[in-house]
Amino acid sequence: MLPSRSAVFFPTATLVLFFALPCFFVRDPEKKSSPPVQLTKVFATLKEMFSRINHYKSLFQFIIIHFLILDAVNTIIVFMAVYATKAIGLVAHNSSYRPPWGR
């Protein structure tokens, strides 16, 4: 028999408190003031980076291909979620998975 939620709550809360205790006693480091951003320097750095892109052609190709593949995979996931809810009738309370952004 699986333990109920109330039986699991106390040990879980105790462990969370135990591991969170150092956060209450450690001081935050002092913040260092950063120099103001110089837009001309930022754009000069970007120009230099894009001028050197020929030296790292395979890395640039990897980044572009990686972006395109992730975009395709995410699109498939979204369309399958819409298909599962509209065509199959799957709703969130029928499954054991609870997305962190919804109920």
PDB file of N, CA and C in Angstrom:
ATOM      1  N   MET A   1       0.838  -1.183   0.000  1.00  0.00           N
ATOM      2  CA  MET A   1       0.000   0.000   0.000  1.00  0.00           C
ATOM      3  C   MET A   1       0.884   1.249   0.000  1.00  0.00           C
ATOM      4  N   LEU A   2       0.566   2.185  -0.872  1.00  0.00           N
ATOM      5  CA  LEU A   2       1.340   3.414  -0.963  1.00  0.00           C
ATOM      6  C   LEU A   2       0.990   4.344   0.185  1.00  0.00           C
ATOM      7  N   PRO A   3       1.979   5.087   0.694  1.00  0.00           N
ATOM      8  CA  PRO A   3       1.680   6.021   1.785  1.00  0.00           C
ATOM      9  C   PRO A   3       0.834   7.185   1.281  1.00  0.00           C
ATOM     10  N   SER A   4       0.018   7.722   2.162  1.00  0.00           N
ATOM     11  CA  SER A   4      -0.823   8.853   1.773  1.00  0.00           C
ATOM     12  C   SER A   4       0.027  10.125   1.690  1.00  0.00           C
ATOM     13  N   ARG A   5      -0.574  11.156   1.156  1.00  0.00           N
ATOM     14  CA  ARG A   5       0.157  12.416   1.015  1.00  0.00           C
ATOM     15  C   ARG A   5       0.527  13.004   2.364  1.00  0.00           C
ATOM     16  N   SER A   6      -0.347  12.867   3.328  1.00  0.00           N
ATOM     17  CA  SER A   6      -0.052  13.449   4.637  1.00  0.00           C
ATOM     18  C   SER A   6       1.092  12.716   5.326  1.00  0.00           C
ATOM     19  N   ALA A   7       1.248  11.410   5.046  1.00  0.00           N
ATOM     20  CA  ALA A   7       2.346  10.660   5.648  1.00  0.00           C
ATOM     21  C   ALA A   7       3.679  11.017   5.006  1.00  0.00           C
ATOM     22  N   VAL A   8       3.652  11.456   3.772  1.00  0.00           N
ATOM     23  CA  VAL A   8       4.878  11.794   3.047  1.00  0.00           C
ATOM     24  C   VAL A   8       5.262  13.253   3.276  1.00  0.00           C
ATOM     25  N   PHE A   9       4.316  14.092   3.656  1.00  0.00           N
ATOM     26  CA  PHE A   9       4.567  15.523   3.771  1.00  0.00           C
ATOM     27  C   PHE A   9       5.613  15.851   4.829  1.00  0.00           C
ATOM     28  N   PHE A  10       5.493  15.299   6.025  1.00  0.00           N
ATOM     29  CA  PHE A  10       6.399  15.664   7.115  1.00  0.00           C
ATOM     30  C   PHE A  10       7.863  15.321   6.809  1.00  0.00           C
ATOM     31  N   PRO A  11       8.187  14.086   6.347  1.00  0.00           N
ATOM     32  CA  PRO A  11       9.599  13.828   6.016  1.00  0.00           C
ATOM     33  C   PRO A  11      10.118  14.711   4.879  1.00  0.00           C
ATOM     34  N   THR A  12       9.264  14.985   3.899  1.00  0.00           N
ATOM     35  CA  THR A  12       9.680  15.844   2.789  1.00  0.00           C
ATOM     36  C   THR A  12       9.937  17.267   3.278  1.00  0.00           C
ATOM     37  N   ALA A  13       9.050  17.787   4.105  1.00  0.00           N
ATOM     38  CA  ALA A  13       9.232  19.136   4.640  1.00  0.00           C
ATOM     39  C   ALA A  13      10.472  19.214   5.517  1.00  0.00           C
ATOM     40  N   THR A  14      10.746  18.158   6.273  1.00  0.00           N
ATOM     41  CA  THR A  14      11.934  18.135   7.124  1.00  0.00           C
ATOM     42  C   THR A  14      13.207  18.177   6.284  1.00  0.00           C
ATOM     43  N   LEU A  15      13.245  17.391   5.216  1.00  0.00           N
ATOM     44  CA  LEU A  15      14.424  17.391   4.346  1.00  0.00           C
ATOM     45  C   LEU A  15      14.611  18.737   3.648  1.00  0.00           C
ATOM     46  N   VAL A  16      13.523  19.334   3.188  1.00  0.00           N
ATOM     47  CA  VAL A  16      13.624  20.640   2.530  1.00  0.00           C
ATOM     48  C   VAL A  16      14.155  21.674   3.510  1.00  0.00           C
ATOM     49  N   LEU A  17      13.647  21.669   4.736  1.00  0.00           N
ATOM     50  CA  LEU A  17      14.131  22.606   5.749  1.00  0.00           C
ATOM     51  C   LEU A  17      15.604  22.372   6.052  1.00  0.00           C
ATOM     52  N   PHE A  18      15.994  21.107   6.167  1.00  0.00           N
ATOM     53  CA  PHE A  18      17.388  20.775   6.470  1.00  0.00           C
ATOM     54  C   PHE A  18      18.328  21.298   5.388  1.00  0.00           C
ATOM     55  N   PHE A  19      17.973  21.070   4.128  1.00  0.00           N
ATOM     56  CA  PHE A  19      18.851  21.496   3.043  1.00  0.00           C
ATOM     57  C   PHE A  19      18.744  22.994   2.760  1.00  0.00           C
ATOM     58  N   ALA A  20      17.681  23.655   3.229  1.00  0.00           N
ATOM     59  CA  ALA A  20      17.538  25.098   3.029  1.00  0.00           C
ATOM     60  C   ALA A  20      18.175  25.906   4.143  1.00  0.00           C
ATOM     61  N   LEU A  21      18.505  25.292   5.265  1.00  0.00           N
ATOM     62  CA  LEU A  21      19.076  26.026   6.395  1.00  0.00           C
ATOM     63  C   LEU A  21      20.331  26.827   6.045  1.00  0.00           C
ATOM     64  N   PRO A  22      21.266  26.299   5.256  1.00  0.00           N
ATOM     65  CA  PRO A  22      22.442  27.115   4.920  1.00  0.00           C
ATOM     66  C   PRO A  22      22.091  28.422   4.212  1.00  0.00           C
ATOM     67  N   CYS A  23      20.980  28.456   3.498  1.00  0.00           N
ATOM     68  CA  CYS A  23      20.578  29.688   2.808  1.00  0.00           C
ATOM     69  C   CYS A  23      20.260  30.808   3.789  1.00  0.00           C
ATOM     70  N   PHE A  24      19.847  30.457   5.000  1.00  0.00           N
ATOM     71  CA  PHE A  24      19.497  31.475   5.983  1.00  0.00           C
ATOM     72  C   PHE A  24      20.723  32.064   6.673  1.00  0.00           C
ATOM     73  N   PHE A  25      21.843  31.373   6.622  1.00  0.00           N
ATOM     74  CA  PHE A  25      23.026  31.810   7.360  1.00  0.00           C
ATOM     75  C   PHE A  25      24.147  32.342   6.474  1.00  0.00           C
ATOM     76  N   VAL A  26      24.048  32.177   5.182  1.00  0.00           N
ATOM     77  CA  VAL A  26      25.085  32.647   4.259  1.00  0.00           C
ATOM     78  C   VAL A  26      24.719  34.051   3.803  1.00  0.00           C
ATOM     79  N   ARG A  27      25.674  34.948   3.893  1.00  0.00           N
ATOM     80  CA  ARG A  27      25.441  36.327   3.462  1.00  0.00           C
ATOM     81  C   ARG A  27      25.601  36.436   1.950  1.00  0.00           C
ATOM     82  N   ASP A  28      24.830  37.318   1.372  1.00  0.00           N
ATOM     83  CA  ASP A  28      24.954  37.583  -0.054  1.00  0.00           C
ATOM     84  C   ASP A  28      26.249  38.340  -0.313  1.00  0.00           C
ATOM     85  N   PRO A  29      26.917  38.046  -1.423  1.00  0.00           N
ATOM     86  CA  PRO A  29      28.133  38.810  -1.732  1.00  0.00           C
ATOM     87  C   PRO A  29      27.770  40.260  -2.049  1.00  0.00           C
ATOM     88  N   GLU A  30      28.708  41.134  -1.764  1.00  0.00           N
ATOM     89  CA  GLU A  30      28.465  42.545  -2.044  1.00  0.00           C
ATOM     90  C   GLU A  30      28.417  42.780  -3.547  1.00  0.00           C
ATOM     91  N   LYS A  31      27.490  43.601  -3.944  1.00  0.00           N
ATOM     92  CA  LYS A  31      27.313  43.867  -5.367  1.00  0.00           C
ATOM     93  C   LYS A  31      28.357  44.862  -5.836  1.00  0.00           C
ATOM     94  N   LYS A  32      28.993  44.508  -6.927  1.00  0.00           N
ATOM     95  CA  LYS A  32      29.980  45.404  -7.528  1.00  0.00           C
ATOM     96  C   LYS A  32      29.279  46.242  -8.587  1.00  0.00           C
ATOM     97  N   SER A  33      29.614  47.494  -8.619  1.00  0.00           N
ATOM     98  CA  SER A  33      29.000  48.348  -9.629  1.00  0.00           C
ATOM     99  C   SER A  33      29.658  48.069 -10.973  1.00  0.00           C
ATOM    100  N   SER A  34      28.820  47.920 -11.977  1.00  0.00           N
ATOM    101  CA  SER A  34      29.346  47.650 -13.307  1.00  0.00           C
ATOM    102  C   SER A  34      29.417  48.954 -14.091  1.00  0.00           C
ATOM    103  N   PRO A  35      30.384  49.039 -14.987  1.00  0.00           N
ATOM    104  CA  PRO A  35      30.497  50.266 -15.785  1.00  0.00           C
ATOM    105  C   PRO A  35      29.305  50.374 -16.732  1.00  0.00           C
ATOM    106  N   PRO A  36      28.961  51.564 -17.146  1.00  0.00           N
ATOM    107  CA  PRO A  36      27.828  51.725 -18.066  1.00  0.00           C
ATOM    108  C   PRO A  36      28.122  51.068 -19.415  1.00  0.00           C
ATOM    109  N   VAL A  37      27.069  50.587 -20.039  1.00  0.00           N
ATOM    110  CA  VAL A  37      27.201  49.903 -21.326  1.00  0.00           C
ATOM    111  C   VAL A  37      27.473  50.931 -22.414  1.00  0.00           C
ATOM    112  N   GLN A  38      28.495  50.650 -23.198  1.00  0.00           N
ATOM    113  CA  GLN A  38      28.836  51.522 -24.313  1.00  0.00           C
ATOM    114  C   GLN A  38      28.348  50.854 -25.595  1.00  0.00           C
ATOM    115  N   LEU A  39      27.309  51.414 -26.181  1.00  0.00           N
ATOM    116  CA  LEU A  39      26.695  50.798 -27.351  1.00  0.00           C
ATOM    117  C   LEU A  39      27.652  50.706 -28.527  1.00  0.00           C
ATOM    118  N   THR A  40      28.528  51.670 -28.675  1.00  0.00           N
ATOM    119  CA  THR A  40      29.469  51.603 -29.793  1.00  0.00           C
ATOM    120  C   THR A  40      30.392  50.400 -29.639  1.00  0.00           C
ATOM    121  N   LYS A  41      30.802  50.122 -28.406  1.00  0.00           N
ATOM    122  CA  LYS A  41      31.662  48.966 -28.162  1.00  0.00           C
ATOM    123  C   LYS A  41      30.902  47.660 -28.407  1.00  0.00           C
ATOM    124  N   VAL A  42      29.630  47.628 -28.032  1.00  0.00           N
ATOM    125  CA  VAL A  42      28.812  46.432 -28.254  1.00  0.00           C
ATOM    126  C   VAL A  42      28.689  46.148 -29.741  1.00  0.00           C
ATOM    127  N   PHE A  43      28.371  47.171 -30.527  1.00  0.00           N
ATOM    128  CA  PHE A  43      28.219  46.969 -31.961  1.00  0.00           C
ATOM    129  C   PHE A  43      29.557  46.658 -32.630  1.00  0.00           C
ATOM    130  N   ALA A  44      30.637  47.204 -32.127  1.00  0.00           N
ATOM    131  CA  ALA A  44      31.955  46.874 -32.673  1.00  0.00           C
ATOM    132  C   ALA A  44      32.283  45.409 -32.409  1.00  0.00           C
ATOM    133  N   THR A  45      31.927  44.915 -31.224  1.00  0.00           N
ATOM    134  CA  THR A  45      32.160  43.508 -30.908  1.00  0.00           C
ATOM    135  C   THR A  45      31.317  42.608 -31.799  1.00  0.00           C
ATOM    136  N   LEU A  46      30.066  42.984 -32.031  1.00  0.00           N
ATOM    137  CA  LEU A  46      29.208  42.198 -32.923  1.00  0.00           C
ATOM    138  C   LEU A  46      29.755  42.180 -34.350  1.00  0.00           C
ATOM    139  N   LYS A  47      30.227  43.332 -34.810  1.00  0.00           N
ATOM    140  CA  LYS A  47      30.793  43.408 -36.160  1.00  0.00           C
ATOM    141  C   LYS A  47      32.022  42.513 -36.274  1.00  0.00           C
ATOM    142  N   GLU A  48      32.865  42.534 -35.253  1.00  0.00           N
ATOM    143  CA  GLU A  48      34.059  41.689 -35.257  1.00  0.00           C
ATOM    144  C   GLU A  48      33.681  40.207 -35.240  1.00  0.00           C
ATOM    145  N   MET A  49      32.665  39.864 -34.456  1.00  0.00           N
ATOM    146  CA  MET A  49      32.241  38.471 -34.372  1.00  0.00           C
ATOM    147  C   MET A  49      31.726  37.980 -35.724  1.00  0.00           C
ATOM    148  N   PHE A  50      30.892  38.781 -36.381  1.00  0.00           N
ATOM    149  CA  PHE A  50      30.364  38.362 -37.671  1.00  0.00           C
ATOM    150  C   PHE A  50      31.434  38.365 -38.760  1.00  0.00           C
ATOM    151  N   SER A  51      32.485  39.165 -38.607  1.00  0.00           N
ATOM    152  CA  SER A  51      33.564  39.129 -39.593  1.00  0.00           C
ATOM    153  C   SER A  51      34.415  37.869 -39.430  1.00  0.00           C
ATOM    154  N   ARG A  52      34.461  37.307 -38.228  1.00  0.00           N
ATOM    155  CA  ARG A  52      35.228  36.079 -37.985  1.00  0.00           C
ATOM    156  C   ARG A  52      34.415  34.806 -38.197  1.00  0.00           C
ATOM    157  N   ILE A  53      33.185  34.930 -38.645  1.00  0.00           N
ATOM    158  CA  ILE A  53      32.314  33.761 -38.739  1.00  0.00           C
ATOM    159  C   ILE A  53      32.821  32.759 -39.776  1.00  0.00           C
ATOM    160  N   ASN A  54      33.603  33.219 -40.743  1.00  0.00           N
ATOM    161  CA  ASN A  54      34.156  32.303 -41.743  1.00  0.00           C
ATOM    162  C   ASN A  54      35.141  31.317 -41.126  1.00  0.00           C
ATOM    163  N   HIS A  55      35.785  31.699 -40.038  1.00  0.00           N
ATOM    164  CA  HIS A  55      36.733  30.801 -39.381  1.00  0.00           C
ATOM    165  C   HIS A  55      36.023  29.664 -38.647  1.00  0.00           C
ATOM    166  N   TYR A  56      34.777  29.889 -38.276  1.00  0.00           N
ATOM    167  CA  TYR A  56      34.013  28.899 -37.514  1.00  0.00           C
ATOM    168  C   TYR A  56      32.762  28.490 -38.281  1.00  0.00           C
ATOM    169  N   LYS A  57      32.956  28.139 -39.545  1.00  0.00           N
ATOM    170  CA  LYS A  57      31.821  27.841 -40.408  1.00  0.00           C
ATOM    171  C   LYS A  57      31.029  26.634 -39.910  1.00  0.00           C
ATOM    172  N   SER A  58      31.712  25.590 -39.460  1.00  0.00           N
ATOM    173  CA  SER A  58      30.996  24.396 -39.004  1.00  0.00           C
ATOM    174  C   SER A  58      30.198  24.677 -37.728  1.00  0.00           C
ATOM    175  N   LEU A  59      30.728  25.513 -36.851  1.00  0.00           N
ATOM    176  CA  LEU A  59      29.996  25.876 -35.638  1.00  0.00           C
ATOM    177  C   LEU A  59      28.746  26.675 -35.991  1.00  0.00           C
ATOM    178  N   PHE A  60      28.869  27.602 -36.925  1.00  0.00           N
ATOM    179  CA  PHE A  60      27.718  28.389 -37.355  1.00  0.00           C
ATOM    180  C   PHE A  60      26.650  27.487 -37.973  1.00  0.00           C
ATOM    181  N   GLN A  61      27.079  26.524 -38.797  1.00  0.00           N
ATOM    182  CA  GLN A  61      26.127  25.584 -39.387  1.00  0.00           C
ATOM    183  C   GLN A  61      25.445  24.747 -38.309  1.00  0.00           C
ATOM    184  N   PHE A  62      26.200  24.316 -37.311  1.00  0.00           N
ATOM    185  CA  PHE A  62      25.628  23.532 -36.214  1.00  0.00           C
ATOM    186  C   PHE A  62      24.556  24.327 -35.479  1.00  0.00           C
ATOM    187  N   ILE A  63      24.826  25.594 -35.196  1.00  0.00           N
ATOM    188  CA  ILE A  63      23.857  26.420 -34.468  1.00  0.00           C
ATOM    189  C   ILE A  63      22.583  26.601 -35.288  1.00  0.00           C
ATOM    190  N   ILE A  64      22.722  26.867 -36.570  1.00  0.00           N
ATOM    191  CA  ILE A  64      21.549  27.054 -37.428  1.00  0.00           C
ATOM    192  C   ILE A  64      20.748  25.764 -37.530  1.00  0.00           C
ATOM    193  N   ILE A  65      21.417  24.635 -37.770  1.00  0.00           N
ATOM    194  CA  ILE A  65      20.719  23.354 -37.894  1.00  0.00           C
ATOM    195  C   ILE A  65      20.069  22.967 -36.571  1.00  0.00           C
ATOM    196  N   HIS A  66      20.766  23.196 -35.475  1.00  0.00           N
ATOM    197  CA  HIS A  66      20.215  22.887 -34.155  1.00  0.00           C
ATOM    198  C   HIS A  66      18.943  23.697 -33.908  1.00  0.00           C
ATOM    199  N   PHE A  67      18.956  24.980 -34.259  1.00  0.00           N
ATOM    200  CA  PHE A  67      17.771  25.820 -34.098  1.00  0.00           C
ATOM    201  C   PHE A  67      16.620  25.296 -34.944  1.00  0.00           C
ATOM    202  N   LEU A  68      16.898  24.940 -36.200  1.00  0.00           N
ATOM    203  CA  LEU A  68      15.835  24.470 -37.083  1.00  0.00           C
ATOM    204  C   LEU A  68      15.248  23.146 -36.603  1.00  0.00           C
ATOM    205  N   ILE A  69      16.097  22.240 -36.126  1.00  0.00           N
ATOM    206  CA  ILE A  69      15.603  20.952 -35.632  1.00  0.00           C
ATOM    207  C   ILE A  69      14.761  21.152 -34.382  1.00  0.00           C
ATOM    208  N   LEU A  70      15.224  21.982 -33.455  1.00  0.00           N
ATOM    209  CA  LEU A  70      14.438  22.229 -32.245  1.00  0.00           C
ATOM    210  C   LEU A  70      13.112  22.897 -32.578  1.00  0.00           C
ATOM    211  N   ASP A  71      13.108  23.784 -33.546  1.00  0.00           N
ATOM    212  CA  ASP A  71      11.872  24.426 -33.959  1.00  0.00           C
ATOM    213  C   ASP A  71      10.899  23.390 -34.519  1.00  0.00           C
ATOM    214  N   ALA A  72      11.404  22.473 -35.330  1.00  0.00           N
ATOM    215  CA  ALA A  72      10.545  21.428 -35.892  1.00  0.00           C
ATOM    216  C   ALA A  72      10.010  20.499 -34.803  1.00  0.00           C
ATOM    217  N   VAL A  73      10.856  20.102 -33.877  1.00  0.00           N
ATOM    218  CA  VAL A  73      10.425  19.205 -32.799  1.00  0.00           C
ATOM    219  C   VAL A  73       9.379  19.884 -31.922  1.00  0.00           C
ATOM    220  N   ASN A  74       9.596  21.132 -31.570  1.00  0.00           N
ATOM    221  CA  ASN A  74       8.617  21.849 -30.749  1.00  0.00           C
ATOM    222  C   ASN A  74       7.292  22.030 -31.482  1.00  0.00           C
ATOM    223  N   THR A  75       7.340  22.263 -32.788  1.00  0.00           N
ATOM    224  CA  THR A  75       6.116  22.376 -33.573  1.00  0.00           C
ATOM    225  C   THR A  75       5.352  21.064 -33.570  1.00  0.00           C
ATOM    226  N   ILE A  76       6.057  19.949 -33.729  1.00  0.00           N
ATOM    227  CA  ILE A  76       5.408  18.635 -33.699  1.00  0.00           C
ATOM    228  C   ILE A  76       4.771  18.383 -32.340  1.00  0.00           C
ATOM    229  N   ILE A  77       5.455  18.728 -31.268  1.00  0.00           N
ATOM    230  CA  ILE A  77       4.906  18.523 -29.923  1.00  0.00           C
ATOM    231  C   ILE A  77       3.628  19.329 -29.735  1.00  0.00           C
ATOM    232  N   VAL A  78       3.626  20.578 -30.170  1.00  0.00           N
ATOM    233  CA  VAL A  78       2.434  21.415 -30.014  1.00  0.00           C
ATOM    234  C   VAL A  78       1.280  20.874 -30.845  1.00  0.00           C
ATOM    235  N   PHE A  79       1.542  20.495 -32.098  1.00  0.00           N
ATOM    236  CA  PHE A  79       0.472  19.972 -32.933  1.00  0.00           C
ATOM    237  C   PHE A  79      -0.059  18.641 -32.411  1.00  0.00           C
ATOM    238  N   MET A  80       0.817  17.807 -31.861  1.00  0.00           N
ATOM    239  CA  MET A  80       0.347  16.544 -31.288  1.00  0.00           C
ATOM    240  C   MET A  80      -0.494  16.795 -30.041  1.00  0.00           C
ATOM    241  N   ALA A  81      -0.166  17.811 -29.266  1.00  0.00           N
ATOM    242  CA  ALA A  81      -0.980  18.147 -28.091  1.00  0.00           C
ATOM    243  C   ALA A  81      -2.364  18.622 -28.523  1.00  0.00           C
ATOM    244  N   VAL A  82      -2.423  19.460 -29.556  1.00  0.00           N
ATOM    245  CA  VAL A  82      -3.715  19.919 -30.067  1.00  0.00           C
ATOM    246  C   VAL A  82      -4.495  18.744 -30.637  1.00  0.00           C
ATOM    247  N   TYR A  83      -3.828  17.875 -31.385  1.00  0.00           N
ATOM    248  CA  TYR A  83      -4.482  16.695 -31.952  1.00  0.00           C
ATOM    249  C   TYR A  83      -5.017  15.784 -30.853  1.00  0.00           C
ATOM    250  N   ALA A  84      -4.226  15.594 -29.798  1.00  0.00           N
ATOM    251  CA  ALA A  84      -4.653  14.710 -28.709  1.00  0.00           C
ATOM    252  C   ALA A  84      -5.871  15.268 -27.990  1.00  0.00           C
ATOM    253  N   THR A  85      -5.958  16.576 -27.859  1.00  0.00           N
ATOM    254  CA  THR A  85      -7.119  17.142 -27.165  1.00  0.00           C
ATOM    255  C   THR A  85      -8.343  17.227 -28.065  1.00  0.00           C
ATOM    256  N   LYS A  86      -8.168  17.553 -29.338  1.00  0.00           N
ATOM    257  CA  LYS A  86      -9.316  17.729 -30.234  1.00  0.00           C
ATOM    258  C   LYS A  86      -9.800  16.408 -30.832  1.00  0.00           C
ATOM    259  N   ALA A  87      -8.914  15.603 -31.385  1.00  0.00           N
ATOM    260  CA  ALA A  87      -9.329  14.400 -32.099  1.00  0.00           C
ATOM    261  C   ALA A  87      -9.548  13.208 -31.175  1.00  0.00           C
ATOM    262  N   ILE A  88      -8.655  13.012 -30.230  1.00  0.00           N
ATOM    263  CA  ILE A  88      -8.742  11.840 -29.359  1.00  0.00           C
ATOM    264  C   ILE A  88      -9.585  12.140 -28.131  1.00  0.00           C
ATOM    265  N   GLY A  89      -9.649  13.389 -27.726  1.00  0.00           N
ATOM    266  CA  GLY A  89     -10.418  13.761 -26.553  1.00  0.00           C
ATOM    267  C   GLY A  89      -9.638  13.673 -25.262  1.00  0.00           C
ATOM    268  N   LEU A  90      -8.330  13.683 -25.355  1.00  0.00           N
ATOM    269  CA  LEU A  90      -7.491  13.620 -24.162  1.00  0.00           C
ATOM    270  C   LEU A  90      -7.514  14.974 -23.465  1.00  0.00           C
ATOM    271  N   VAL A  91      -7.788  14.953 -22.170  1.00  0.00           N
ATOM    272  CA  VAL A  91      -7.763  16.179 -21.382  1.00  0.00           C
ATOM    273  C   VAL A  91      -6.812  15.987 -20.222  1.00  0.00           C
ATOM    274  N   ALA A  92      -6.430  17.079 -19.584  1.00  0.00           N
ATOM    275  CA  ALA A  92      -5.391  17.024 -18.551  1.00  0.00           C
ATOM    276  C   ALA A  92      -5.790  16.165 -17.365  1.00  0.00           C
ATOM    277  N   HIS A  93      -7.070  16.147 -16.975  1.00  0.00           N
ATOM    278  CA  HIS A  93      -7.429  15.373 -15.795  1.00  0.00           C
ATOM    279  C   HIS A  93      -7.518  13.876 -16.071  1.00  0.00           C
ATOM    280  N   ASN A  94      -7.433  13.463 -17.349  1.00  0.00           N
ATOM    281  CA  ASN A  94      -7.428  12.038 -17.668  1.00  0.00           C
ATOM    282  C   ASN A  94      -6.034  11.434 -17.598  1.00  0.00           C
ATOM    283  N   SER A  95      -5.015  12.259 -17.589  1.00  0.00           N
ATOM    284  CA  SER A  95      -3.653  11.749 -17.591  1.00  0.00           C
ATOM    285  C   SER A  95      -2.994  12.018 -16.247  1.00  0.00           C
ATOM    286  N   SER A  96      -1.917  11.313 -15.993  1.00  0.00           N
ATOM    287  CA  SER A  96      -1.202  11.516 -14.737  1.00  0.00           C
ATOM    288  C   SER A  96      -0.192  12.651 -14.850  1.00  0.00           C
ATOM    289  N   TYR A  97       0.067  13.127 -16.050  1.00  0.00           N
ATOM    290  CA  TYR A  97       1.028  14.211 -16.250  1.00  0.00           C
ATOM    291  C   TYR A  97       0.347  15.542 -16.022  1.00  0.00           C
ATOM    292  N   ARG A  98       0.964  16.381 -15.222  1.00  0.00           N
ATOM    293  CA  ARG A  98       0.460  17.723 -14.979  1.00  0.00           C
ATOM    294  C   ARG A  98       1.521  18.717 -15.432  1.00  0.00           C
ATOM    295  N   PRO A  99       1.246  19.476 -16.503  1.00  0.00           N
ATOM    296  CA  PRO A  99       2.241  20.459 -16.932  1.00  0.00           C
ATOM    297  C   PRO A  99       2.408  21.539 -15.876  1.00  0.00           C
ATOM    298  N   PRO A 100       3.607  22.069 -15.730  1.00  0.00           N
ATOM    299  CA  PRO A 100       3.849  23.064 -14.682  1.00  0.00           C
ATOM    300  C   PRO A 100       3.143  24.387 -14.932  1.00  0.00           C
ATOM    301  N   TRP A 101       2.704  24.657 -16.158  1.00  0.00           N
ATOM    302  CA  TRP A 101       2.101  25.940 -16.463  1.00  0.00           C
ATOM    303  C   TRP A 101       0.575  25.898 -16.384  1.00  0.00           C
ATOM    304  N   GLY A 102      -0.030  24.728 -16.215  1.00  0.00           N
ATOM    305  CA  GLY A 102      -1.485  24.646 -16.191  1.00  0.00           C
ATOM    306  C   GLY A 102      -1.997  23.855 -15.017  1.00  0.00           C
ATOM    307  N   ARG A 103      -3.294  23.764 -14.958  1.00  0.00           N
ATOM    308  CA  ARG A 103      -3.914  23.031 -13.844  1.00  0.00           C
ATOM    309  C   ARG A 103      -4.064  21.577 -14.158  1.00  0.00           C
TER     310      ARG A 103
END
